Amino acid sequence: MRAMSDQMTSDKEVSVYYRCGGMSFFERLVDHFYLGVVTDEVLISLYPGRDDLGPARHHLTLFLAQYWGGPTTYMDERGHPRLRMRHMPFTVGPLQRDRWLVHMTAAVYAEQPDPDLQATLLQYFISAAEHLRNDTGLRVSAARQQQQ
């Protein structure tokens, strides 16, 4: 692994993690995100431990930090992310996807990264939210969720 000073040699070589400011950025981003989640009945109902969101916050922070080039603590603690598999027990339809994006977009704006970083983050969050959708909103896919 290269030293941080080596990673700072050019913008093309610097990870989003370092360009955003490291772990503290992702901690603040997730804190802002969960401020919205706790007041959103659509999303909070997806959390089995809705009274203690600490573990969910921790996992999301570590995942995002790792995804964007930070430490591999998420992988060390939880193994491969397997995001679709981890989210499959929950109904994630268009409404849940959109509510998640509302709060994550607000969190990104609250952190005010430079415009290039903001665009990069939001582009990823839009595609990730769609990727995790497992319910089309149509009765045929909703029935699958009710049978579980």
Protein backbone atom coordinates (compact mmCIF):
# COMPACT_ATOMS: atom_id res chain seq x y z
CA MET A 1 0.00 0.00 0.00
CA ARG A 2 1.33 3.40 -0.94
CA ALA A 3 1.80 6.08 1.67
CA MET A 4 -0.84 8.79 1.78
CA SER A 5 1.66 11.34 0.46
CA ASP A 6 2.18 9.12 -2.60
CA GLN A 7 -1.60 9.02 -3.10
CA MET A 8 -1.67 12.80 -3.18
CA THR A 9 0.61 13.13 -6.22
CA SER A 10 -2.16 13.92 -8.70
CA ASP A 11 -5.93 14.28 -8.70
CA LYS A 12 -6.25 11.25 -10.97
CA GLU A 13 -4.44 9.06 -8.45
CA VAL A 14 -6.22 10.35 -5.33
CA SER A 15 -9.21 8.29 -4.26
CA VAL A 16 -12.59 9.86 -3.63
CA TYR A 17 -12.09 8.86 0.01
CA TYR A 18 -9.09 11.18 0.37
CA ARG A 19 -10.53 13.89 -1.86
CA CYS A 20 -13.60 14.07 0.41
CA GLY A 21 -11.51 14.28 3.57
CA GLY A 22 -11.35 10.67 4.72
CA MET A 23 -13.42 8.82 7.29
CA SER A 24 -14.78 11.95 8.97
CA PHE A 25 -16.54 12.93 5.73
CA PHE A 26 -18.30 9.55 5.52
CA GLU A 27 -19.23 9.65 9.20
CA ARG A 28 -20.85 13.07 8.74
CA LEU A 29 -22.53 11.98 5.50
CA VAL A 30 -24.09 8.95 7.19
CA ASP A 31 -25.09 11.04 10.22
CA HIS A 32 -26.93 13.47 7.93
CA PHE A 33 -28.52 10.58 6.04
CA TYR A 34 -29.88 8.97 9.20
CA LEU A 35 -31.34 12.27 10.41
CA GLY A 36 -33.77 11.83 7.53
CA VAL A 37 -34.24 8.10 7.92
CA VAL A 38 -35.40 8.27 11.54
CA THR A 39 -38.30 10.54 10.59
CA ASP A 40 -39.24 8.67 7.40
CA GLU A 41 -41.83 5.96 8.10
CA VAL A 42 -41.22 4.34 4.71
CA LEU A 43 -37.53 3.79 5.44
CA ILE A 44 -37.43 3.34 9.19
CA SER A 45 -39.88 0.46 8.87
CA LEU A 46 -37.20 -1.46 6.94
CA TYR A 47 -34.86 -1.49 9.93
CA PRO A 48 -35.45 -4.45 12.26
CA GLY A 49 -33.46 -2.65 14.97
CA ARG A 50 -35.11 0.70 14.44
CA ASP A 51 -34.59 1.56 18.11
CA ASP A 52 -30.81 1.19 17.71
CA LEU A 53 -29.52 2.31 14.33
CA GLY A 54 -25.91 2.30 15.54
CA PRO A 55 -24.96 -0.92 13.76
CA ALA A 56 -26.62 0.16 10.50
CA ARG A 57 -24.86 3.53 10.66
CA HIS A 58 -21.55 1.83 11.36
CA HIS A 59 -21.94 -0.60 8.45
CA LEU A 60 -22.97 2.10 5.97
CA THR A 61 -20.10 4.36 7.01
CA LEU A 62 -17.53 1.61 6.62
CA PHE A 63 -18.99 0.39 3.35
CA LEU A 64 -18.96 3.84 1.77
CA ALA A 65 -15.45 4.60 3.01
CA GLN A 66 -14.16 1.31 1.60
CA TYR A 67 -16.06 1.67 -1.68
CA TRP A 68 -14.52 5.08 -2.27
CA GLY A 69 -10.95 3.97 -1.58
CA GLY A 70 -10.63 4.05 2.19
CA PRO A 71 -9.68 1.33 4.65
CA THR A 72 -11.04 -2.19 4.19
CA THR A 73 -12.58 -2.30 7.65
CA TYR A 74 -16.01 -3.17 6.21
CA MET A 75 -14.62 -6.24 4.45
CA ASP A 76 -12.57 -7.17 7.52
CA GLU A 77 -15.66 -7.04 9.77
CA ARG A 78 -18.40 -8.30 7.47
CA GLY A 79 -16.83 -9.98 4.46
CA HIS A 80 -17.82 -9.19 0.88
CA PRO A 81 -20.55 -6.51 0.76
CA ARG A 82 -23.07 -8.64 -1.24
CA LEU A 83 -25.41 -5.66 -1.20
CA ARG A 84 -28.29 -7.23 -3.12
CA MET A 85 -28.25 -10.32 -0.94
CA ARG A 86 -28.09 -8.29 2.29
CA HIS A 87 -31.07 -6.18 1.20
CA MET A 88 -33.18 -9.03 -0.26
CA PRO A 89 -35.15 -9.70 2.97
CA PHE A 90 -36.59 -6.17 2.73
CA THR A 91 -39.05 -4.82 0.21
CA VAL A 92 -37.12 -2.24 -1.76
CA GLY A 93 -39.45 -0.88 -4.38
CA PRO A 94 -39.61 2.43 -6.21
CA LEU A 95 -40.95 4.24 -3.13
CA GLN A 96 -38.20 2.95 -0.82
CA ARG A 97 -35.55 3.66 -3.46
CA ASP A 98 -36.79 7.20 -3.93
CA ARG A 99 -37.04 7.93 -0.20
CA TRP A 100 -33.49 6.60 0.29
CA LEU A 101 -32.26 8.87 -2.48
CA VAL A 102 -34.03 11.91 -1.01
CA HIS A 103 -32.15 11.50 2.26
CA MET A 104 -28.81 10.54 0.74
CA THR A 105 -28.98 13.46 -1.70
CA ALA A 106 -29.75 15.82 1.19
CA ALA A 107 -26.77 14.38 3.08
CA VAL A 108 -24.45 14.94 0.12
CA TYR A 109 -25.67 18.54 -0.28
CA ALA A 110 -25.26 19.14 3.46
CA GLU A 111 -21.62 18.08 3.27
CA GLN A 112 -20.97 20.43 0.33
CA PRO A 113 -18.23 18.52 -1.45
CA ASP A 114 -16.78 20.22 -4.51
CA PRO A 115 -19.06 19.95 -7.58
CA ASP A 116 -17.08 17.11 -9.20
CA LEU A 117 -17.18 15.03 -6.02
CA GLN A 118 -20.85 15.82 -5.52
CA ALA A 119 -21.64 14.61 -9.05
CA THR A 120 -19.55 11.46 -8.57
CA LEU A 121 -21.23 10.60 -5.27
CA LEU A 122 -24.75 11.26 -6.53
CA GLN A 123 -24.20 9.29 -9.73
CA TYR A 124 -23.15 6.28 -7.67
CA PHE A 125 -26.00 6.62 -5.16
CA ILE A 126 -28.59 6.79 -7.94
CA SER A 127 -27.31 3.63 -9.62
CA ALA A 128 -26.81 1.80 -6.29
CA ALA A 129 -30.34 2.61 -5.13
CA GLU A 130 -31.77 1.25 -8.36
CA HIS A 131 -29.54 -1.83 -8.18
CA LEU A 132 -30.90 -2.67 -4.71
CA ARG A 133 -34.52 -2.42 -5.80
CA ASN A 134 -36.08 -5.89 -5.57
CA ASP A 135 -39.75 -5.01 -5.99
CA THR A 136 -41.14 -3.41 -9.12
CA GLY A 137 -44.18 -2.10 -7.31
CA LEU A 138 -46.37 -4.41 -9.39
CA ARG A 139 -48.56 -7.02 -7.70
CA VAL A 140 -46.52 -9.92 -9.09
CA SER A 141 -43.31 -8.84 -7.32
CA ALA A 142 -45.12 -7.60 -4.21
CA ALA A 143 -46.68 -11.07 -3.81
CA ARG A 144 -43.20 -12.58 -3.56
CA GLN A 145 -42.46 -10.38 -0.56
CA GLN A 146 -45.71 -11.28 1.18
CA GLN A 147 -44.99 -15.03 0.89
CA GLN A 148 -41.70 -14.71 2.82
